């Protein structure tokens, strides 16, 4: 292994959609690039997707491949940033769920941040797993059959999870060895009981919001347009699928 570039030759898929938490994409991407990894950003559609920085629209990121064109066999690992919007959109996509299942079946490393474990829940991959996540989805993770730990970073075999943006430093430190194939240094998977739910929300995001300026008209308009664009894209895909269905039925009847 090239010790200066421990991820040289590794192909890492990064799965995100509009509304991803910007820091949870940028910081891990920088670490992967420093390690020599070849990274591809995969999303629900081609083009560019918009990140979020707290309640403010963030930067645009260019998509390398649409999920319909992606195969897990082409990659050595998977990274999924969190955010309040992106994981919720991704978990509703059948191709995304199948893509993540393929990584799990092959035992390939999967790294998840904050709300991203919701995708494991929807893919049916949470049972008997030990995870951390954004505390707000703790009950979703536990009710899906996983053990939830209130820790900054948790590793369970080939799954590495991070509690949230406030824990990015610890996550980034663990990320390169994880994708390089180094064995776990602690046995989080041995934990049998979930940590209790928090008594109150984390102060960190609330404090950040109080110090940020109130959203301007332009910011609110950008958020509205982002929502309209996501809904419009979903409707176009639904109409396309509906239009294709009669043609497929007619073709099937012709063969019969």
Foldseek 3Di string as FASTA:
>chain_A
DPPQQLQAPFEEEEEWAAAFAVLQPVLLVVLNVRNRYHYFYEYQDFAWHWYAHQLFIDDIDGHRYYLVPDALVVGQEYEYTHGPPILVVLLVDPSSLVRVVVCVVVQGAYEYAAPNCVSCLSSLNLALAEEEHALVCVVVSVVSHHAYEPDQWDDARRYIYGHHPVSVVVVSVVPSCSSSPHDDPDHSSVDDHHDDRDPDHDCVSVVVVVPDDDDDPVRVVVVVVSVVVVVVVVVVVVVVVVVVVVVVVVVVVVVD
